[in-house]
Amino acid sequence: MSDNDSMIVDITTRILRDLADPQTLNNARDEAWRAPLWQALEEAGLTLAWVPEEIGGAGLSVPETFDILRVAGAFALPVPLAETLIAGWLLARAGIKPPAGPMTVAPLRPRERLELRGGRLTGRIRGVPFGQDCGHVVVLAGSRVALLAGNGLPWQPGRNLANEAKNGLILDSVEPLEESAAEGLSDEALLLLGAAARSAQMSGALEALLEISVRYAGERVAFERPIAKFQAVQHNLAQLAGEAAAALAAQGSAAQAIERAGTADDASVFLDVAAAKIRVGEAAGAGAAIAHQVHGAIGFTAEHILHRYTHRLWSWRDEFGDESYWAVRLGEAVTAKGADALWPTITAA
């Protein structure tokens, strides 16, 4: 990690520790914390990290931005930071200056498509994260990027496992605020970038799960000694540590592949991103199960913060393609290249 990467991590961590502490938010009776948190993120330039400085962004590198997402995952951040980052990236590719405030992005499911004809959008999309809570929505229709006002759209009700808005949307000849072509941009590029972003968030959440579980095991006493002294618990914690480490390595490889390629459009990033989404998704499933097993019944209670992480992990692993989708795609890609190309593909820098 470079000095600049470390600085970005420190800034993000400080803001979230002060304004988005998971236990504090878990105990909050209302959402008065939301506005000052978002203001702090905006003022630090974290919400538009992927947007060049010349159009109002921070112009951070790919690894720096993924570091932001990893820290956000470590706090189970309940605001659309990842969605706003991806939306800003899309707008920047199309030369559109991003608006202030939270944004979300669509579509984020394989095989969902929107059409832009005569300057109007038509199509149906499911499960837009934080949809009805965002002031703007950025959508990709073919190779054109469109910016929509979130207010007034026909949002369909829906919530994810973490009780966050996750809305369907039916667009019937809706006129966007702005729209523009983005050369070389495709649904595949959005899917790959989103999958890498979710992998980073899940990786951070797994690191936090490990820390929370180790701390709890050291504090919880059974049969007159901490449960961390029991071999079965030690084995579980070691397995959780392995899952967290594997997730961190996989998402780091995906971020580096995108950085090397300079874009998420490049075919060279597919292997790393697909493998990351598969491996991190598997780690999320296994890691959440282990963490709940270590905590026992208390981990399921509303008062404990564990569910803030596990519910989001279960939601994130299904977005931008789940493990099954990417496994099939990865298998098809490997088969198409043939057996002789497998090892060179895996070991390519």
Protein backbone atom coordinates (compact mmCIF):
# COMPACT_ATOMS: atom_id res chain seq x y z
CA MET A 1 0.00 0.00 0.00
CA SER A 2 1.39 3.39 -1.00
CA ASP A 3 1.47 6.41 1.31
CA ASN A 4 -1.43 7.93 -0.62
CA ASP A 5 -3.46 4.72 -0.33
CA SER A 6 -2.79 4.70 3.40
CA MET A 7 -3.93 8.32 3.68
CA ILE A 8 -7.20 7.55 1.88
CA VAL A 9 -7.81 4.60 4.21
CA ASP A 10 -7.07 6.76 7.25
CA ILE A 11 -9.41 9.56 6.13
CA THR A 12 -12.24 7.15 5.34
CA THR A 13 -11.76 5.26 8.59
CA ARG A 14 -11.76 8.44 10.65
CA ILE A 15 -14.97 9.74 9.09
CA LEU A 16 -16.80 6.44 9.48
CA ARG A 17 -15.53 5.87 13.00
CA ASP A 18 -16.85 9.29 14.03
CA LEU A 19 -20.14 9.30 12.10
CA ALA A 20 -21.01 5.72 11.18
CA ASP A 21 -19.99 3.55 14.10
CA PRO A 22 -22.04 0.35 13.64
CA GLN A 23 -23.10 0.11 17.29
CA THR A 24 -24.12 3.78 17.40
CA LEU A 25 -26.21 3.44 14.25
CA ASN A 26 -27.67 0.18 15.53
CA ASN A 27 -28.92 2.00 18.62
CA ALA A 28 -30.14 5.10 16.75
CA ARG A 29 -33.87 5.79 17.00
CA ASP A 30 -34.02 7.82 13.80
CA GLU A 31 -31.88 8.68 10.77
CA ALA A 32 -30.56 12.03 11.96
CA TRP A 33 -27.04 10.61 11.46
CA ARG A 34 -27.50 10.26 7.70
CA ALA A 35 -27.14 13.91 6.58
CA PRO A 36 -23.92 14.77 8.49
CA LEU A 37 -22.36 11.47 7.42
CA TRP A 38 -23.01 12.10 3.74
CA GLN A 39 -21.85 15.70 4.04
CA ALA A 40 -18.56 14.57 5.53
CA LEU A 41 -18.06 11.98 2.79
CA GLU A 42 -18.76 14.58 0.10
CA GLU A 43 -16.49 17.20 1.64
CA ALA A 44 -13.65 14.67 1.73
CA GLY A 45 -14.17 13.92 -1.96
CA LEU A 46 -14.94 10.26 -1.28
CA THR A 47 -18.31 10.12 -3.04
CA LEU A 48 -16.86 11.13 -6.43
CA ALA A 49 -13.48 9.45 -6.09
CA TRP A 50 -13.61 7.96 -9.62
CA VAL A 51 -14.55 11.27 -11.27
CA PRO A 52 -11.72 13.38 -12.79
CA GLU A 53 -10.95 16.65 -11.08
CA GLU A 54 -11.81 18.70 -14.17
CA ILE A 55 -15.50 17.79 -13.82
CA GLY A 56 -15.76 18.07 -10.06
CA GLY A 57 -14.39 14.79 -8.76
CA ALA A 58 -11.40 13.69 -6.69
CA GLY A 59 -9.61 11.85 -9.51
CA LEU A 60 -8.41 8.99 -7.31
CA SER A 61 -6.88 5.82 -8.71
CA VAL A 62 -8.67 2.48 -8.92
CA PRO A 63 -6.83 0.92 -5.92
CA GLU A 64 -7.52 4.02 -3.80
CA THR A 65 -11.21 3.88 -4.61
CA PHE A 66 -11.42 0.18 -3.84
CA ASP A 67 -9.71 0.91 -0.52
CA ILE A 68 -12.57 3.31 0.24
CA LEU A 69 -15.08 0.57 -0.51
CA ARG A 70 -13.23 -1.96 1.60
CA VAL A 71 -13.29 0.39 4.59
CA ALA A 72 -16.97 1.12 3.94
CA GLY A 73 -17.63 -2.62 4.06
CA ALA A 74 -15.72 -2.88 7.34
CA PHE A 75 -18.26 -0.44 8.84
CA ALA A 76 -21.28 -2.10 7.16
CA LEU A 77 -21.95 1.37 5.76
CA PRO A 78 -25.72 1.84 5.28
CA VAL A 79 -25.57 4.62 2.66
CA PRO A 80 -25.13 4.34 -1.15
CA LEU A 81 -21.43 5.17 -1.31
CA ALA A 82 -20.54 2.31 -3.67
CA GLU A 83 -23.52 3.09 -5.87
CA THR A 84 -22.60 6.78 -6.03
CA LEU A 85 -19.00 5.94 -6.93
CA ILE A 86 -20.10 3.68 -9.79
CA ALA A 87 -22.68 6.23 -10.96
CA GLY A 88 -20.00 8.92 -10.98
CA TRP A 89 -17.72 6.66 -13.02
CA LEU A 90 -20.46 6.16 -15.61
CA LEU A 91 -21.22 9.89 -15.82
CA ALA A 92 -17.52 10.72 -16.15
CA ARG A 93 -17.18 8.24 -19.03
CA ALA A 94 -20.00 10.10 -20.79
CA GLY A 95 -18.60 13.55 -20.00
CA ILE A 96 -21.54 14.47 -17.74
CA LYS A 97 -20.80 16.42 -14.56
CA PRO A 98 -22.15 14.47 -11.57
CA PRO A 99 -24.74 16.16 -9.34
CA ALA A 100 -24.31 16.47 -5.60
CA GLY A 101 -25.95 14.02 -3.23
CA PRO A 102 -26.46 10.26 -3.17
CA MET A 103 -26.89 8.45 -6.49
CA THR A 104 -27.68 4.91 -7.44
CA VAL A 105 -27.04 2.95 -10.61
CA ALA A 106 -28.91 0.51 -12.85
CA PRO A 107 -29.13 -2.08 -14.18
CA LEU A 108 -27.04 -4.27 -11.93
CA ARG A 109 -28.36 -7.70 -12.86
CA PRO A 110 -27.19 -9.85 -15.78
CA ARG A 111 -29.46 -9.83 -18.80
CA GLU A 112 -31.44 -6.76 -17.70
CA ARG A 113 -31.49 -4.10 -20.39
CA LEU A 114 -32.80 -0.58 -20.89
CA GLU A 115 -33.51 1.01 -24.25
CA LEU A 116 -33.01 4.66 -25.14
CA ARG A 117 -35.00 5.65 -28.21
CA GLY A 118 -35.72 9.18 -29.32
CA GLY A 119 -34.18 10.50 -26.13
CA ARG A 120 -36.52 8.48 -23.88
CA LEU A 121 -35.86 5.46 -21.69
CA THR A 122 -37.92 2.29 -21.63
CA GLY A 123 -37.41 -0.91 -19.69
CA ARG A 124 -37.89 -2.74 -16.45
CA ILE A 125 -35.19 -3.25 -13.83
CA ARG A 126 -35.28 -5.01 -10.47
CA GLY A 127 -33.61 -4.50 -7.13
CA VAL A 128 -32.08 -1.03 -7.51
CA PRO A 129 -30.14 -0.50 -4.26
CA PHE A 130 -31.23 2.58 -2.27
CA GLY A 131 -33.41 3.50 -5.27
CA GLN A 132 -36.12 5.58 -3.66
CA ASP A 133 -33.64 7.16 -1.21
CA CYS A 134 -31.39 8.70 -3.89
CA GLY A 135 -31.79 12.06 -5.56
CA HIS A 136 -30.48 10.79 -8.89
CA VAL A 137 -30.26 7.54 -10.81
CA VAL A 138 -27.64 6.83 -13.46
CA VAL A 139 -28.56 4.17 -15.99
CA LEU A 140 -26.75 2.53 -18.86
CA ALA A 141 -28.69 1.86 -22.05
CA GLY A 142 -26.44 0.22 -24.60
CA SER A 143 -23.44 2.53 -24.82
CA ARG A 144 -25.33 5.61 -23.65
CA VAL A 145 -25.38 6.93 -20.10
CA ALA A 146 -28.46 8.72 -18.80
CA LEU A 147 -29.01 10.75 -15.63
CA LEU A 148 -32.49 10.65 -14.09
CA ALA A 149 -34.02 12.58 -11.22
CA GLY A 150 -34.87 10.05 -8.52
CA ASN A 151 -37.89 11.93 -7.22
CA GLY A 152 -41.07 11.19 -9.10
CA LEU A 153 -39.93 7.91 -10.64
CA PRO A 154 -42.40 5.00 -10.30
CA TRP A 155 -40.42 3.09 -7.71
CA GLN A 156 -41.77 -0.29 -6.68
CA PRO A 157 -41.52 -1.12 -2.96
CA GLY A 158 -38.80 -3.46 -1.83
CA ARG A 159 -36.20 -3.99 0.88
CA ASN A 160 -33.06 -6.09 1.10
CA LEU A 161 -32.12 -8.33 4.02
CA ALA A 162 -30.57 -5.37 5.83
CA ASN A 163 -33.90 -3.49 5.52
CA GLU A 164 -32.44 -1.00 3.06
CA ALA A 165 -34.44 0.21 0.06
CA LYS A 166 -34.08 -2.09 -2.94
CA ASN A 167 -36.64 -1.00 -5.47
CA GLY A 168 -37.89 -2.14 -8.81
CA LEU A 169 -38.40 0.45 -11.52
CA ILE A 170 -40.51 0.43 -14.68
CA LEU A 171 -39.54 3.12 -17.17
CA ASP A 172 -42.07 3.88 -19.87
CA SER A 173 -40.71 6.52 -22.25
CA VAL A 174 -39.05 8.54 -19.46
CA GLU A 175 -37.00 11.56 -20.50
CA PRO A 176 -33.64 11.82 -18.69
CA LEU A 177 -32.16 15.04 -17.35
CA GLU A 178 -29.05 14.40 -19.46
CA GLU A 179 -27.79 11.61 -21.67
CA SER A 180 -24.66 11.06 -23.70
CA ALA A 181 -22.70 8.36 -25.47
CA ALA A 182 -19.71 6.78 -23.76
CA GLU A 183 -17.35 5.25 -26.28
CA GLY A 184 -16.61 1.60 -25.64
CA LEU A 185 -18.88 1.38 -22.59
CA SER A 186 -21.09 -1.68 -22.29
CA ASP A 187 -23.34 -3.59 -19.91
CA GLU A 188 -20.42 -5.97 -19.36
CA ALA A 189 -18.19 -3.15 -18.16
CA LEU A 190 -20.80 -2.00 -15.63
CA LEU A 191 -21.33 -5.56 -14.43
CA LEU A 192 -17.59 -6.15 -13.99
CA LEU A 193 -16.99 -2.89 -12.14
CA GLY A 194 -19.98 -3.50 -9.91
CA ALA A 195 -18.87 -7.06 -9.15
CA ALA A 196 -15.40 -5.80 -8.21
CA ALA A 197 -16.91 -3.09 -6.01
CA ARG A 198 -19.14 -5.54 -4.17
CA SER A 199 -16.14 -7.84 -3.71
CA ALA A 200 -14.26 -5.00 -2.02
CA GLN A 201 -17.18 -4.24 0.28
CA MET A 202 -17.59 -7.91 1.23
CA SER A 203 -13.86 -8.22 1.85
CA GLY A 204 -13.97 -5.33 4.31
CA ALA A 205 -17.02 -6.75 6.04
CA LEU A 206 -15.31 -10.12 6.47
CA GLU A 207 -12.29 -8.45 8.06
CA ALA A 208 -14.65 -6.79 10.52
CA LEU A 209 -16.47 -10.07 11.20
CA LEU A 210 -13.15 -11.67 12.10
CA GLU A 211 -12.24 -8.86 14.48
CA ILE A 212 -15.68 -8.87 16.12
CA SER A 213 -15.69 -12.65 16.50
CA VAL A 214 -12.17 -12.85 17.96
CA ARG A 215 -13.01 -10.13 20.46
CA TYR A 216 -16.25 -11.80 21.49
CA ALA A 217 -14.59 -15.20 21.87
CA GLY A 218 -12.03 -13.64 24.20
CA GLU A 219 -14.73 -12.02 26.33
CA ARG A 220 -17.41 -14.72 26.45
CA VAL A 221 -16.85 -17.11 29.34
CA ALA A 222 -18.22 -20.65 29.47
CA PHE A 223 -17.27 -23.34 31.96
CA GLU A 224 -15.11 -20.77 33.76
CA ARG A 225 -12.88 -19.88 30.81
CA PRO A 226 -13.14 -17.78 27.63
CA ILE A 227 -14.60 -19.73 24.73
CA ALA A 228 -11.51 -18.73 22.72
CA LYS A 229 -9.68 -21.38 24.76
CA PHE A 230 -11.79 -24.18 23.28
CA GLN A 231 -10.23 -25.98 20.35
CA ALA A 232 -13.45 -26.05 18.29
CA VAL A 233 -13.81 -22.27 18.58
CA GLN A 234 -10.15 -21.75 17.73
CA HIS A 235 -10.63 -23.91 14.64
CA ASN A 236 -13.65 -21.85 13.57
CA LEU A 237 -11.80 -18.58 14.06
CA ALA A 238 -8.84 -19.86 12.08
CA GLN A 239 -11.19 -20.84 9.26
CA LEU A 240 -12.82 -17.40 9.37
CA ALA A 241 -9.38 -15.78 9.20
CA GLY A 242 -8.59 -17.89 6.14
CA GLU A 243 -11.83 -16.85 4.42
CA ALA A 244 -11.18 -13.17 5.17
CA ALA A 245 -7.61 -13.42 3.85
CA ALA A 246 -8.74 -15.18 0.67
CA ALA A 247 -11.39 -12.52 0.07
CA LEU A 248 -8.88 -9.73 0.58
CA ALA A 249 -6.43 -11.30 -1.88
CA ALA A 250 -9.13 -11.95 -4.49
CA GLN A 251 -10.59 -8.45 -4.42
CA GLY A 252 -7.09 -6.97 -4.47
CA SER A 253 -6.29 -8.94 -7.61
CA ALA A 254 -9.45 -7.65 -9.28
CA ALA A 255 -8.63 -4.05 -8.37
CA GLN A 256 -5.08 -4.41 -9.72
CA ALA A 257 -6.37 -5.96 -12.96
CA ILE A 258 -8.68 -2.99 -13.54
CA GLU A 259 -5.86 -0.59 -12.71
CA ARG A 260 -3.50 -2.29 -15.17
CA ALA A 261 -6.11 -2.29 -17.93
CA GLY A 262 -7.07 1.30 -17.23
CA THR A 263 -10.76 0.44 -17.59
CA ALA A 264 -13.33 -2.16 -16.63
CA ASP A 265 -14.15 -2.63 -20.33
CA ASP A 266 -10.99 -4.57 -21.13
CA ALA A 267 -11.35 -8.33 -21.60
CA SER A 268 -8.20 -8.84 -19.54
CA VAL A 269 -10.01 -7.96 -16.31
CA PHE A 270 -12.72 -10.61 -16.72
CA LEU A 271 -10.79 -13.52 -15.20
CA ASP A 272 -9.74 -11.60 -12.07
CA VAL A 273 -13.11 -9.96 -11.45
CA ALA A 274 -15.12 -13.12 -12.07
CA ALA A 275 -12.82 -15.15 -9.82
CA ALA A 276 -13.00 -12.45 -7.13
CA LYS A 277 -16.80 -12.31 -7.10
CA ILE A 278 -16.97 -16.10 -6.88
CA ARG A 279 -14.34 -16.48 -4.15
CA VAL A 280 -15.45 -13.50 -2.08
CA GLY A 281 -19.08 -14.59 -2.34
CA GLU A 282 -18.15 -18.05 -1.09
CA ALA A 283 -16.15 -16.49 1.74
CA ALA A 284 -19.13 -14.31 2.65
CA GLY A 285 -21.37 -17.34 3.00
CA ALA A 286 -18.89 -19.38 5.01
CA GLY A 287 -17.67 -16.41 7.06
CA ALA A 288 -21.14 -15.27 8.09
CA ALA A 289 -22.04 -18.79 9.18
CA ILE A 290 -18.88 -19.10 11.29
CA ALA A 291 -19.37 -15.70 12.91
CA HIS A 292 -22.91 -16.58 13.94
CA GLN A 293 -21.77 -19.95 15.22
CA VAL A 294 -19.13 -18.28 17.41
CA HIS A 295 -21.61 -15.74 18.77
CA GLY A 296 -24.47 -18.17 19.30
CA ALA A 297 -27.96 -16.77 19.79
CA ILE A 298 -26.80 -13.26 20.71
CA GLY A 299 -25.57 -12.67 17.16
CA PHE A 300 -29.14 -12.87 15.85
CA THR A 301 -30.55 -10.24 18.20
CA ALA A 302 -31.39 -6.75 16.98
CA GLU A 303 -29.17 -5.25 19.69
CA HIS A 304 -25.97 -6.89 18.44
CA ILE A 305 -24.12 -5.47 15.45
CA LEU A 306 -23.30 -8.83 13.90
CA HIS A 307 -26.46 -8.87 11.82
CA ARG A 308 -25.55 -5.51 10.28
CA TYR A 309 -22.67 -7.26 8.56
CA THR A 310 -24.14 -10.65 7.74
CA HIS A 311 -27.36 -9.25 6.27
CA ARG A 312 -25.37 -6.96 3.97
CA LEU A 313 -22.98 -9.74 3.01
CA TRP A 314 -25.91 -11.92 1.97
CA SER A 315 -27.36 -9.05 -0.08
CA TRP A 316 -24.10 -7.96 -1.74
CA ARG A 317 -23.13 -11.46 -2.88
CA ASP A 318 -26.27 -11.63 -5.07
CA GLU A 319 -25.76 -8.25 -6.77
CA PHE A 320 -23.86 -7.68 -10.03
CA GLY A 321 -24.00 -11.42 -10.62
CA ASP A 322 -23.88 -14.13 -7.94
CA GLU A 323 -21.34 -16.93 -7.68
CA SER A 324 -23.31 -19.26 -9.95
CA TYR A 325 -23.55 -16.69 -12.72
CA TRP A 326 -19.84 -15.87 -12.69
CA ALA A 327 -18.85 -19.54 -12.33
CA VAL A 328 -20.76 -20.41 -15.49
CA ARG A 329 -19.28 -17.43 -17.32
CA LEU A 330 -15.79 -18.29 -16.14
CA GLY A 331 -16.18 -21.93 -17.17
CA GLU A 332 -17.41 -20.93 -20.61
CA ALA A 333 -14.47 -18.55 -21.07
CA VAL A 334 -11.91 -21.17 -20.05
CA THR A 335 -13.51 -23.83 -22.26
CA ALA A 336 -13.57 -21.49 -25.24
CA LYS A 337 -9.82 -20.88 -24.96
CA GLY A 338 -9.00 -24.58 -24.74
CA ALA A 339 -6.93 -26.67 -22.34
CA ASP A 340 -3.57 -25.44 -23.59
CA ALA A 341 -4.43 -21.85 -22.73
CA LEU A 342 -5.61 -22.55 -19.16
CA TRP A 343 -2.29 -22.34 -17.31
CA PRO A 344 -0.96 -19.29 -19.24
CA THR A 345 -4.29 -17.53 -18.58
CA ILE A 346 -4.19 -18.22 -14.86
CA THR A 347 -0.56 -17.16 -14.47
CA ALA A 348 -0.69 -14.10 -16.74
CA ALA A 349 0.38 -10.90 -14.99
